[in-house]
Amino acid sequence: MCGRFLLLTDEENIELSGIIKAIEEKYPDRNVFALGEMFPGAVIPVLANMGNESGCGVGAGAGTTVGSHSFPVDQRRILSGSHGATTGSHCAAADPHCATADSQSVTADSCDAEWRMQPFPYEPFLMHWGFPFLGKARSSQVINAKSETLTEKPMFRRLVDEHRCIIPASAFYEWAHVSGAASSVGSSSIPIGASSAKNKKIKLMIRPSSARTAKGAYYFYMAGLTSKLRLFSGSYADCTVIITTRPSAQMAEIHNRMPVMLDRAMADYWLSNAGIDKIYGSGIMEPWNGSLDIVSVQ
C-alpha cells in the first residue's frame, strides 16, 4: 500500500519548485499545505491535465502552463531508464515526437529529449487524500486503489477514463517487521539503527534510485484518481487516492503492495486521452522494475 509519503523540494528541481510556486499563487488564502511527510486525510498537491477536454473532473478550462509559469523539465531530474528500456511504439504512444521508424529500444532520457523544454502542461490542485466512507468512523477512508481492479470496483471504474491525476513525491514509507536481534532488513541488507532494532516495526523510506538528482534530492510521480466527495464535516472537496500495484522483487521483501510510480513520460501517458486498455497495455501500471533506494528512518 501507500499510507504515507514525503514531498520535499529545493532550488535545483525546476519542475517541482514551479509546481509548488504555482500552488501558492493559485491558493493564496489557504495556509493548509506544507512540504514534508504526507498523511491520509491531509491536503496534498495533485496535478491534472486540464488541457485535455476530458480533464480530471475537478475544474473547467484549459491551460498549457502551471499557473502563470512556463518552465522546462529539470534535465537533471529525468528518470533515465527507470522502468528499463521502452520500445519505440510505447515511446511514441507517450509522446508523438518520440516515434521511431523501427522498434529499437530507447531510454526514457532519449525519449524526453525532444520535449523536455516544453511548458509543463498540467494544472495544480490541492486535494484531500482519501475517499471518505460516510456513515462510518471518522477515520474510515479509502486512500489507495488497486491497479488490477480499477475497472471492476464501483468506486473507481467511473473515474479511470476522465479523472486521472499524478501526485509528486520524494519518497514513500513502509514498515518492515524485524526481530530485536536483526541488524538489516531483507536480502538487500537494509541497515537499521541500534535503537530501531529494539522495535518490532521499522519505518523505511523508499525511493527510485534513478529519481535522484545531482544534489541528492529525489522526485517522481505516483498515479492517482480524483473525485469530488462529501467529507465527514459535511462540506464537499476534491479528493484523491493513490494507485498501487503488486511489489517489485526488491519491494516484496518489505510489503505486498507498492504505489504505481511514474517518470515524466509515463505521467504524460497516464494523463493523456488513452483508454484504460491502452494504459494497461503500455505497462505503466506494472511494478517499478528499477532499483530502489531504501533506508530506515526514526
C-alpha atoms as a PDB file:
ATOM      1  CA  MET A   1       0.000   0.000   0.000  1.00  0.00           C
ATOM      2  CA  CYS A   2       0.994   3.638   0.238  1.00  0.00           C
ATOM      3  CA  GLY A   3      -0.028   5.007   3.621  1.00  0.00           C
ATOM      4  CA  ARG A   4       2.432   7.906   3.865  1.00  0.00           C
ATOM      5  CA  PHE A   5       4.773   9.701   1.529  1.00  0.00           C
ATOM      6  CA  LEU A   6       7.296  12.513   1.559  1.00  0.00           C
ATOM      7  CA  LEU A   7       7.385  15.657  -0.565  1.00  0.00           C
ATOM      8  CA  LEU A   8      10.394  17.986  -0.398  1.00  0.00           C
ATOM      9  CA  THR A   9      11.797  20.488  -2.876  1.00  0.00           C
ATOM     10  CA  ASP A  10      14.917  22.518  -3.497  1.00  0.00           C
ATOM     11  CA  GLU A  11      16.024  25.201  -5.927  1.00  0.00           C
ATOM     12  CA  GLU A  12      17.748  22.610  -8.112  1.00  0.00           C
ATOM     13  CA  ASN A  13      14.451  20.960  -9.041  1.00  0.00           C
ATOM     14  CA  ILE A  14      12.955  23.401 -11.539  1.00  0.00           C
ATOM     15  CA  GLU A  15       9.861  21.332 -12.208  1.00  0.00           C
ATOM     16  CA  LEU A  16       8.778  20.717  -8.622  1.00  0.00           C
ATOM     17  CA  SER A  17       9.715  24.232  -7.492  1.00  0.00           C
ATOM     18  CA  GLY A  18       7.488  25.612 -10.240  1.00  0.00           C
ATOM     19  CA  ILE A  19       4.618  23.364  -9.200  1.00  0.00           C
ATOM     20  CA  ILE A  20       4.836  24.466  -5.572  1.00  0.00           C
ATOM     21  CA  LYS A  21       5.035  28.140  -6.550  1.00  0.00           C
ATOM     22  CA  ALA A  22       2.012  27.746  -8.828  1.00  0.00           C
ATOM     23  CA  ILE A  23       0.006  26.158  -5.986  1.00  0.00           C
ATOM     24  CA  GLU A  24       0.921  29.025  -3.688  1.00  0.00           C
ATOM     25  CA  GLU A  25      -0.289  31.514  -6.310  1.00  0.00           C
ATOM     26  CA  LYS A  26      -3.486  29.575  -7.024  1.00  0.00           C
ATOM     27  CA  TYR A  27      -4.401  29.207  -3.330  1.00  0.00           C
ATOM     28  CA  PRO A  28      -3.080  32.417  -1.713  1.00  0.00           C
ATOM     29  CA  ASP A  29      -5.584  32.259   1.161  1.00  0.00           C
ATOM     30  CA  ARG A  30      -5.134  28.583   2.037  1.00  0.00           C
ATOM     31  CA  ASN A  31      -2.498  28.010   4.668  1.00  0.00           C
ATOM     32  CA  VAL A  32      -3.175  24.263   4.768  1.00  0.00           C
ATOM     33  CA  PHE A  33      -0.381  22.795   2.712  1.00  0.00           C
ATOM     34  CA  ALA A  34       3.155  22.220   3.927  1.00  0.00           C
ATOM     35  CA  LEU A  35       6.038  20.255   2.491  1.00  0.00           C
ATOM     36  CA  GLY A  36       7.203  17.214   4.418  1.00  0.00           C
ATOM     37  CA  GLU A  37       5.571  13.922   5.385  1.00  0.00           C
ATOM     38  CA  MET A  38       2.049  13.497   3.984  1.00  0.00           C
ATOM     39  CA  PHE A  39      -0.603  11.564   5.922  1.00  0.00           C
ATOM     40  CA  PRO A  40      -4.019  10.203   4.880  1.00  0.00           C
ATOM     41  CA  GLY A  41      -6.648  12.898   5.284  1.00  0.00           C
ATOM     42  CA  ALA A  42      -4.122  15.663   4.636  1.00  0.00           C
ATOM     43  CA  VAL A  43      -4.359  18.223   1.855  1.00  0.00           C
ATOM     44  CA  ILE A  44      -1.789  17.305  -0.794  1.00  0.00           C
ATOM     45  CA  PRO A  45      -0.693  18.713  -4.192  1.00  0.00           C
ATOM     46  CA  VAL A  46      -2.109  16.953  -7.240  1.00  0.00           C
ATOM     47  CA  LEU A  47      -1.604  17.584 -10.960  1.00  0.00           C
ATOM     48  CA  ALA A  48      -4.207  17.017 -13.665  1.00  0.00           C
ATOM     49  CA  ASN A  49      -4.275  17.614 -17.416  1.00  0.00           C
ATOM     50  CA  MET A  50      -6.839  20.375 -17.749  1.00  0.00           C
ATOM     51  CA  GLY A  51      -5.725  20.992 -21.342  1.00  0.00           C
ATOM     52  CA  ASN A  52      -7.360  17.631 -22.054  1.00  0.00           C
ATOM     53  CA  GLU A  53     -11.062  18.121 -22.751  1.00  0.00           C
ATOM     54  CA  SER A  54     -11.973  15.141 -20.608  1.00  0.00           C
ATOM     55  CA  GLY A  55      -9.801  16.578 -17.832  1.00  0.00           C
ATOM     56  CA  CYS A  56      -9.891  15.139 -14.345  1.00  0.00           C
ATOM     57  CA  GLY A  57     -13.313  16.467 -13.480  1.00  0.00           C
ATOM     58  CA  VAL A  58     -12.191  18.933 -10.850  1.00  0.00           C
ATOM     59  CA  GLY A  59     -12.392  22.179 -12.746  1.00  0.00           C
ATOM     60  CA  ALA A  60     -13.065  23.856 -16.057  1.00  0.00           C
ATOM     61  CA  GLY A  61     -10.896  25.459 -18.638  1.00  0.00           C
ATOM     62  CA  ALA A  62      -7.681  24.565 -20.404  1.00  0.00           C
ATOM     63  CA  GLY A  63      -4.140  25.603 -19.877  1.00  0.00           C
ATOM     64  CA  THR A  64      -0.680  24.926 -21.173  1.00  0.00           C
ATOM     65  CA  THR A  65       1.204  26.242 -18.179  1.00  0.00           C
ATOM     66  CA  VAL A  66       1.182  25.693 -14.446  1.00  0.00           C
ATOM     67  CA  GLY A  67      -0.411  28.798 -13.027  1.00  0.00           C
ATOM     68  CA  SER A  68       1.347  31.750 -14.635  1.00  0.00           C
ATOM     69  CA  HIS A  69       4.533  29.747 -15.124  1.00  0.00           C
ATOM     70  CA  SER A  70       6.048  28.203 -18.207  1.00  0.00           C
ATOM     71  CA  PHE A  71       9.146  26.284 -17.269  1.00  0.00           C
ATOM     72  CA  PRO A  72      11.183  23.343 -18.567  1.00  0.00           C
ATOM     73  CA  VAL A  73      11.508  19.888 -17.155  1.00  0.00           C
ATOM     74  CA  ASP A  74      14.566  19.733 -14.929  1.00  0.00           C
ATOM     75  CA  GLN A  75      17.058  17.904 -17.144  1.00  0.00           C
ATOM     76  CA  ARG A  76      18.900  16.625 -14.070  1.00  0.00           C
ATOM     77  CA  ARG A  77      15.691  15.037 -12.817  1.00  0.00           C
ATOM     78  CA  ILE A  78      14.834  12.859 -15.846  1.00  0.00           C
ATOM     79  CA  LEU A  79      14.366   9.261 -14.722  1.00  0.00           C
ATOM     80  CA  SER A  80      16.546   7.704 -17.369  1.00  0.00           C
ATOM     81  CA  GLY A  81      15.804   4.011 -17.771  1.00  0.00           C
ATOM     82  CA  SER A  82      13.733   3.854 -14.593  1.00  0.00           C
ATOM     83  CA  HIS A  83      11.419   1.237 -15.999  1.00  0.00           C
ATOM     84  CA  GLY A  84      14.111  -0.163 -18.256  1.00  0.00           C
ATOM     85  CA  ALA A  85      14.197   0.470 -21.996  1.00  0.00           C
ATOM     86  CA  THR A  86      10.919   1.211 -23.734  1.00  0.00           C
ATOM     87  CA  THR A  87      10.047   0.192 -27.255  1.00  0.00           C
ATOM     88  CA  GLY A  88       9.598   2.709 -29.995  1.00  0.00           C
ATOM     89  CA  SER A  89       5.848   2.072 -30.086  1.00  0.00           C
ATOM     90  CA  HIS A  90       5.449   2.661 -26.342  1.00  0.00           C
ATOM     91  CA  CYS A  91       7.559   5.788 -26.558  1.00  0.00           C
ATOM     92  CA  ALA A  92       5.505   7.080 -29.475  1.00  0.00           C
ATOM     93  CA  ALA A  93       2.326   6.426 -27.514  1.00  0.00           C
ATOM     94  CA  ALA A  94       3.637   8.528 -24.659  1.00  0.00           C
ATOM     95  CA  ASP A  95       4.749  11.344 -26.942  1.00  0.00           C
ATOM     96  CA  PRO A  96       4.426  11.724 -30.735  1.00  0.00           C
ATOM     97  CA  HIS A  97       7.802  13.459 -31.019  1.00  0.00           C
ATOM     98  CA  CYS A  98       9.443  10.203 -29.948  1.00  0.00           C
ATOM     99  CA  ALA A  99       8.093   7.992 -32.727  1.00  0.00           C
ATOM    100  CA  THR A 100      10.777   5.752 -34.198  1.00  0.00           C
ATOM    101  CA  ALA A 101      10.806   4.058 -37.565  1.00  0.00           C
ATOM    102  CA  ASP A 102      11.769   0.701 -36.101  1.00  0.00           C
ATOM    103  CA  SER A 103      11.142  -0.945 -32.756  1.00  0.00           C
ATOM    104  CA  GLN A 104      14.613  -0.489 -31.336  1.00  0.00           C
ATOM    105  CA  SER A 105      14.729   0.273 -27.649  1.00  0.00           C
ATOM    106  CA  VAL A 106      15.251   3.802 -26.415  1.00  0.00           C
ATOM    107  CA  THR A 107      15.684   5.091 -22.890  1.00  0.00           C
ATOM    108  CA  ALA A 108      13.294   7.452 -21.157  1.00  0.00           C
ATOM    109  CA  ASP A 109      16.032  10.091 -21.331  1.00  0.00           C
ATOM    110  CA  SER A 110      16.343   9.997 -25.131  1.00  0.00           C
ATOM    111  CA  CYS A 111      12.567   9.915 -25.471  1.00  0.00           C
ATOM    112  CA  ASP A 112      12.314  13.013 -23.305  1.00  0.00           C
ATOM    113  CA  ALA A 113      14.992  14.991 -25.162  1.00  0.00           C
ATOM    114  CA  GLU A 114      12.612  16.413 -27.788  1.00  0.00           C
ATOM    115  CA  TRP A 115      10.077  17.937 -25.416  1.00  0.00           C
ATOM    116  CA  ARG A 116      11.932  18.476 -22.163  1.00  0.00           C
ATOM    117  CA  MET A 117      11.966  22.237 -22.775  1.00  0.00           C
ATOM    118  CA  GLN A 118       8.194  22.408 -23.425  1.00  0.00           C
ATOM    119  CA  PRO A 119       5.904  24.148 -20.898  1.00  0.00           C
ATOM    120  CA  PHE A 120       4.666  21.879 -18.136  1.00  0.00           C
ATOM    121  CA  PRO A 121       1.045  21.288 -19.238  1.00  0.00           C
ATOM    122  CA  TYR A 122      -0.697  20.240 -16.033  1.00  0.00           C
ATOM    123  CA  GLU A 123      -2.759  22.289 -13.620  1.00  0.00           C
ATOM    124  CA  PRO A 124      -2.068  22.016  -9.884  1.00  0.00           C
ATOM    125  CA  PHE A 125      -4.759  21.394  -7.278  1.00  0.00           C
ATOM    126  CA  LEU A 126      -4.858  20.901  -3.534  1.00  0.00           C
ATOM    127  CA  MET A 127      -6.883  17.795  -2.689  1.00  0.00           C
ATOM    128  CA  HIS A 128      -7.948  15.764   0.325  1.00  0.00           C
ATOM    129  CA  TRP A 129      -6.042  12.474   0.376  1.00  0.00           C
ATOM    130  CA  GLY A 130      -8.661   9.760   0.771  1.00  0.00           C
ATOM    131  CA  PHE A 131     -12.201   8.903  -0.355  1.00  0.00           C
ATOM    132  CA  PRO A 132     -14.353   9.138   2.808  1.00  0.00           C
ATOM    133  CA  PHE A 133     -16.744   6.359   3.850  1.00  0.00           C
ATOM    134  CA  LEU A 134     -19.679   8.394   5.144  1.00  0.00           C
ATOM    135  CA  GLY A 135     -21.773   6.817   7.875  1.00  0.00           C
ATOM    136  CA  LYS A 136     -18.747   5.038   9.331  1.00  0.00           C
ATOM    137  CA  ALA A 137     -15.992   6.068  11.715  1.00  0.00           C
ATOM    138  CA  ARG A 138     -14.485   9.474  11.005  1.00  0.00           C
ATOM    139  CA  SER A 139     -11.161   7.823  10.228  1.00  0.00           C
ATOM    140  CA  SER A 140     -12.683   5.437   7.686  1.00  0.00           C
ATOM    141  CA  GLN A 141     -11.477   6.366   4.219  1.00  0.00           C
ATOM    142  CA  VAL A 142     -10.002   4.713   1.154  1.00  0.00           C
ATOM    143  CA  ILE A 143      -6.501   6.025   0.414  1.00  0.00           C
ATOM    144  CA  ASN A 144      -5.361   3.510  -2.237  1.00  0.00           C
ATOM    145  CA  ALA A 145      -6.848   1.871  -5.323  1.00  0.00           C
ATOM    146  CA  LYS A 146      -5.556  -1.445  -6.689  1.00  0.00           C
ATOM    147  CA  SER A 147      -4.431  -1.102 -10.305  1.00  0.00           C
ATOM    148  CA  GLU A 148      -5.602  -4.636 -11.072  1.00  0.00           C
ATOM    149  CA  THR A 149      -9.254  -3.898 -10.210  1.00  0.00           C
ATOM    150  CA  LEU A 150      -9.754  -0.262 -11.266  1.00  0.00           C
ATOM    151  CA  THR A 151     -12.326  -1.208 -13.914  1.00  0.00           C
ATOM    152  CA  GLU A 152     -14.180  -3.586 -11.568  1.00  0.00           C
ATOM    153  CA  LYS A 153     -14.698  -1.624  -8.362  1.00  0.00           C
ATOM    154  CA  PRO A 154     -17.759   0.696  -8.492  1.00  0.00           C
ATOM    155  CA  MET A 155     -15.866   3.356  -6.545  1.00  0.00           C
ATOM    156  CA  PHE A 156     -13.159   3.627  -9.244  1.00  0.00           C
ATOM    157  CA  ARG A 157     -14.415   2.351 -12.607  1.00  0.00           C
ATOM    158  CA  ARG A 158     -16.230   5.603 -13.438  1.00  0.00           C
ATOM    159  CA  LEU A 159     -13.031   7.559 -12.742  1.00  0.00           C
ATOM    160  CA  VAL A 160     -10.377   5.699 -14.741  1.00  0.00           C
ATOM    161  CA  ASP A 161     -11.046   7.438 -18.070  1.00  0.00           C
ATOM    162  CA  GLU A 162     -11.659  11.068 -17.112  1.00  0.00           C
ATOM    163  CA  HIS A 163     -10.473  11.567 -13.542  1.00  0.00           C
ATOM    164  CA  ARG A 164      -6.790  10.651 -13.572  1.00  0.00           C
ATOM    165  CA  CYS A 165      -4.107  12.614 -11.770  1.00  0.00           C
ATOM    166  CA  ILE A 166      -0.476  12.413 -10.684  1.00  0.00           C
ATOM    167  CA  ILE A 167       0.925  13.100  -7.226  1.00  0.00           C
ATOM    168  CA  PRO A 168       4.500  14.430  -6.940  1.00  0.00           C
ATOM    169  CA  ALA A 169       6.622  12.734  -4.295  1.00  0.00           C
ATOM    170  CA  SER A 170      10.167  12.500  -2.956  1.00  0.00           C
ATOM    171  CA  ALA A 171       9.703   9.113  -1.258  1.00  0.00           C
ATOM    172  CA  PHE A 172       7.093   6.825   0.224  1.00  0.00           C
ATOM    173  CA  TYR A 173       7.167   4.988   3.541  1.00  0.00           C
ATOM    174  CA  GLU A 174       6.572   1.399   4.514  1.00  0.00           C
ATOM    175  CA  TRP A 175       7.060  -0.572   7.711  1.00  0.00           C
ATOM    176  CA  ALA A 176       9.028  -3.815   7.964  1.00  0.00           C
ATOM    177  CA  HIS A 177       8.692  -6.385  10.727  1.00  0.00           C
ATOM    178  CA  VAL A 178      12.039  -7.367  12.263  1.00  0.00           C
ATOM    179  CA  SER A 179      13.242  -9.223  15.320  1.00  0.00           C
ATOM    180  CA  GLY A 180      15.073  -7.402  18.093  1.00  0.00           C
ATOM    181  CA  ALA A 181      18.369  -9.011  17.108  1.00  0.00           C
ATOM    182  CA  ALA A 182      18.158  -8.010  13.439  1.00  0.00           C
ATOM    183  CA  SER A 183      20.688  -5.551  12.033  1.00  0.00           C
ATOM    184  CA  SER A 184      19.229  -5.365   8.499  1.00  0.00           C
ATOM    185  CA  VAL A 185      16.004  -5.920   6.547  1.00  0.00           C
ATOM    186  CA  GLY A 186      15.685  -8.326   3.592  1.00  0.00           C
ATOM    187  CA  SER A 187      18.309  -9.913   1.404  1.00  0.00           C
ATOM    188  CA  SER A 188      19.346  -6.428   0.247  1.00  0.00           C
ATOM    189  CA  SER A 189      20.611  -5.859   3.816  1.00  0.00           C
ATOM    190  CA  ILE A 190      18.899  -2.565   4.538  1.00  0.00           C
ATOM    191  CA  PRO A 191      20.726  -1.393   7.679  1.00  0.00           C
ATOM    192  CA  ILE A 192      18.729  -0.381  10.738  1.00  0.00           C
ATOM    193  CA  GLY A 193      19.969   1.615  13.686  1.00  0.00           C
ATOM    194  CA  ALA A 194      20.609   0.090  17.090  1.00  0.00           C
ATOM    195  CA  SER A 195      17.695   1.982  18.665  1.00  0.00           C
ATOM    196  CA  SER A 196      15.348   0.970  15.850  1.00  0.00           C
ATOM    197  CA  ALA A 197      16.315  -2.685  16.181  1.00  0.00           C
ATOM    198  CA  LYS A 198      14.528  -2.855  19.520  1.00  0.00           C
ATOM    199  CA  ASN A 199      11.187  -2.223  17.818  1.00  0.00           C
ATOM    200  CA  LYS A 200       9.066  -4.818  16.045  1.00  0.00           C
ATOM    201  CA  LYS A 201       8.363  -2.461  13.159  1.00  0.00           C
ATOM    202  CA  ILE A 202      10.963  -0.439  11.288  1.00  0.00           C
ATOM    203  CA  LYS A 203       9.950   2.614   9.263  1.00  0.00           C
ATOM    204  CA  LEU A 204      11.579   2.607   5.828  1.00  0.00           C
ATOM    205  CA  MET A 205      11.936   5.458   3.349  1.00  0.00           C
ATOM    206  CA  ILE A 206      11.736   4.158  -0.231  1.00  0.00           C
ATOM    207  CA  ARG A 207      12.709   5.998  -3.430  1.00  0.00           C
ATOM    208  CA  PRO A 208      13.541   5.045  -7.049  1.00  0.00           C
ATOM    209  CA  SER A 209      17.326   5.122  -7.391  1.00  0.00           C
ATOM    210  CA  SER A 210      17.052   6.799 -10.796  1.00  0.00           C
ATOM    211  CA  ALA A 211      14.949   9.641  -9.335  1.00  0.00           C
ATOM    212  CA  ARG A 212      17.978  11.029  -7.505  1.00  0.00           C
ATOM    213  CA  THR A 213      19.139  14.462  -8.652  1.00  0.00           C
ATOM    214  CA  ALA A 214      22.741  15.663  -8.804  1.00  0.00           C
ATOM    215  CA  LYS A 215      22.476  17.173  -5.321  1.00  0.00           C
ATOM    216  CA  GLY A 216      20.911  14.104  -3.734  1.00  0.00           C
ATOM    217  CA  ALA A 217      17.224  15.075  -3.797  1.00  0.00           C
ATOM    218  CA  TYR A 218      14.571  12.695  -5.143  1.00  0.00           C
ATOM    219  CA  TYR A 219      11.500  13.375  -7.271  1.00  0.00           C
ATOM    220  CA  PHE A 220       8.951  11.170  -9.063  1.00  0.00           C
ATOM    221  CA  TYR A 221       5.196  10.858  -9.578  1.00  0.00           C
ATOM    222  CA  MET A 222       2.544   8.450  -8.338  1.00  0.00           C
ATOM    223  CA  ALA A 223      -0.573   7.631 -10.361  1.00  0.00           C
ATOM    224  CA  GLY A 224      -3.896   8.624  -8.822  1.00  0.00           C
ATOM    225  CA  LEU A 225      -7.631   9.173  -9.319  1.00  0.00           C
ATOM    226  CA  THR A 226      -9.795  12.108  -8.246  1.00  0.00           C
ATOM    227  CA  SER A 227     -13.423  12.684  -7.298  1.00  0.00           C
ATOM    228  CA  LYS A 228     -15.449  15.447  -5.660  1.00  0.00           C
ATOM    229  CA  LEU A 229     -16.893  13.944  -2.477  1.00  0.00           C
ATOM    230  CA  ARG A 230     -18.554  14.940   0.777  1.00  0.00           C
ATOM    231  CA  LEU A 231     -16.200  14.934   3.748  1.00  0.00           C
ATOM    232  CA  PHE A 232     -17.078  13.936   7.310  1.00  0.00           C
ATOM    233  CA  SER A 233     -17.550  17.636   8.075  1.00  0.00           C
ATOM    234  CA  GLY A 234     -20.375  17.788   5.540  1.00  0.00           C
ATOM    235  CA  SER A 235     -18.541  20.012   3.082  1.00  0.00           C
ATOM    236  CA  TYR A 236     -17.538  18.869  -0.399  1.00  0.00           C
ATOM    237  CA  ALA A 237     -13.941  18.708  -1.546  1.00  0.00           C
ATOM    238  CA  ASP A 238     -11.806  17.365  -4.367  1.00  0.00           C
ATOM    239  CA  CYS A 239     -10.361  14.074  -3.127  1.00  0.00           C
ATOM    240  CA  THR A 240      -7.674  11.756  -4.437  1.00  0.00           C
ATOM    241  CA  VAL A 241      -6.437   8.191  -3.988  1.00  0.00           C
ATOM    242  CA  ILE A 242      -3.033   6.738  -4.895  1.00  0.00           C
ATOM    243  CA  ILE A 243      -2.995   3.708  -7.182  1.00  0.00           C
ATOM    244  CA  THR A 244      -0.977   0.701  -6.049  1.00  0.00           C
ATOM    245  CA  THR A 245       0.296  -2.400  -7.803  1.00  0.00           C
ATOM    246  CA  ARG A 246       1.967  -5.674  -6.818  1.00  0.00           C
ATOM    247  CA  PRO A 247       5.515  -5.290  -5.479  1.00  0.00           C
ATOM    248  CA  SER A 248       8.775  -5.469  -7.371  1.00  0.00           C
ATOM    249  CA  ALA A 249      11.183  -8.218  -6.322  1.00  0.00           C
ATOM    250  CA  GLN A 250      13.043  -5.783  -4.067  1.00  0.00           C
ATOM    251  CA  MET A 251       9.844  -4.372  -2.559  1.00  0.00           C
ATOM    252  CA  ALA A 252       8.345  -7.844  -1.972  1.00  0.00           C
ATOM    253  CA  GLU A 253      10.762  -8.325   0.933  1.00  0.00           C
ATOM    254  CA  ILE A 254       9.023  -5.447   2.702  1.00  0.00           C
ATOM    255  CA  HIS A 255       5.366  -5.385   1.606  1.00  0.00           C
ATOM    256  CA  ASN A 256       2.963  -6.986  -0.864  1.00  0.00           C
ATOM    257  CA  ARG A 257       1.951  -3.672  -2.494  1.00  0.00           C
ATOM    258  CA  MET A 258       3.697  -0.541  -3.765  1.00  0.00           C
ATOM    259  CA  PRO A 259       2.492   2.699  -5.392  1.00  0.00           C
ATOM    260  CA  VAL A 260       2.393   2.950  -9.181  1.00  0.00           C
ATOM    261  CA  MET A 261       5.443   5.167  -9.723  1.00  0.00           C
ATOM    262  CA  LEU A 262       5.826   7.151 -12.930  1.00  0.00           C
ATOM    263  CA  ASP A 263       8.592   9.058 -14.645  1.00  0.00           C
ATOM    264  CA  ARG A 264       7.703  12.106 -16.760  1.00  0.00           C
ATOM    265  CA  ALA A 265       6.942  10.181 -19.976  1.00  0.00           C
ATOM    266  CA  MET A 266       4.731   7.708 -18.111  1.00  0.00           C
ATOM    267  CA  ALA A 267       2.963  10.557 -16.306  1.00  0.00           C
ATOM    268  CA  ASP A 268       2.205  12.206 -19.635  1.00  0.00           C
ATOM    269  CA  TYR A 269       0.689   8.987 -20.969  1.00  0.00           C
ATOM    270  CA  TRP A 270      -1.353   8.372 -17.815  1.00  0.00           C
ATOM    271  CA  LEU A 271      -2.852  11.881 -18.178  1.00  0.00           C
ATOM    272  CA  SER A 272      -3.493  11.512 -21.910  1.00  0.00           C
ATOM    273  CA  ASN A 273      -6.731  10.528 -23.668  1.00  0.00           C
ATOM    274  CA  ALA A 274      -5.526   6.921 -23.923  1.00  0.00           C
ATOM    275  CA  GLY A 275      -8.191   4.418 -22.930  1.00  0.00           C
ATOM    276  CA  ILE A 276      -7.648   2.238 -19.911  1.00  0.00           C
ATOM    277  CA  ASP A 277      -6.980  -0.819 -22.095  1.00  0.00           C
ATOM    278  CA  LYS A 278      -4.074   1.021 -23.723  1.00  0.00           C
ATOM    279  CA  ILE A 279      -2.890   2.166 -20.307  1.00  0.00           C
ATOM    280  CA  TYR A 280      -2.740  -1.426 -19.112  1.00  0.00           C
ATOM    281  CA  GLY A 281      -1.081  -2.496 -22.354  1.00  0.00           C
ATOM    282  CA  SER A 282       1.620   0.173 -22.023  1.00  0.00           C
ATOM    283  CA  GLY A 283       2.979  -1.426 -18.865  1.00  0.00           C
ATOM    284  CA  ILE A 284       2.918   1.718 -16.738  1.00  0.00           C
ATOM    285  CA  MET A 285       0.660   0.024 -14.185  1.00  0.00           C
ATOM    286  CA  GLU A 286       3.323  -2.645 -13.633  1.00  0.00           C
ATOM    287  CA  PRO A 287       5.665  -2.660 -10.601  1.00  0.00           C
ATOM    288  CA  TRP A 288       8.691  -0.377 -10.760  1.00  0.00           C
ATOM    289  CA  ASN A 289      11.468  -2.524 -12.217  1.00  0.00           C
ATOM    290  CA  GLY A 290      14.350  -0.206 -11.468  1.00  0.00           C
ATOM    291  CA  SER A 291      16.314  -0.365  -8.234  1.00  0.00           C
ATOM    292  CA  LEU A 292      15.036   1.314  -5.073  1.00  0.00           C
ATOM    293  CA  ASP A 293      16.996   3.287  -2.501  1.00  0.00           C
ATOM    294  CA  ILE A 294      15.724   2.109   0.885  1.00  0.00           C
ATOM    295  CA  VAL A 295      16.852   3.453   4.247  1.00  0.00           C
ATOM    296  CA  SER A 296      15.480   3.110   7.771  1.00  0.00           C
ATOM    297  CA  VAL A 297      14.282   6.299   9.459  1.00  0.00           C
ATOM    298  CA  GLN A 298      13.231   7.113  13.013  1.00  0.00           C
END
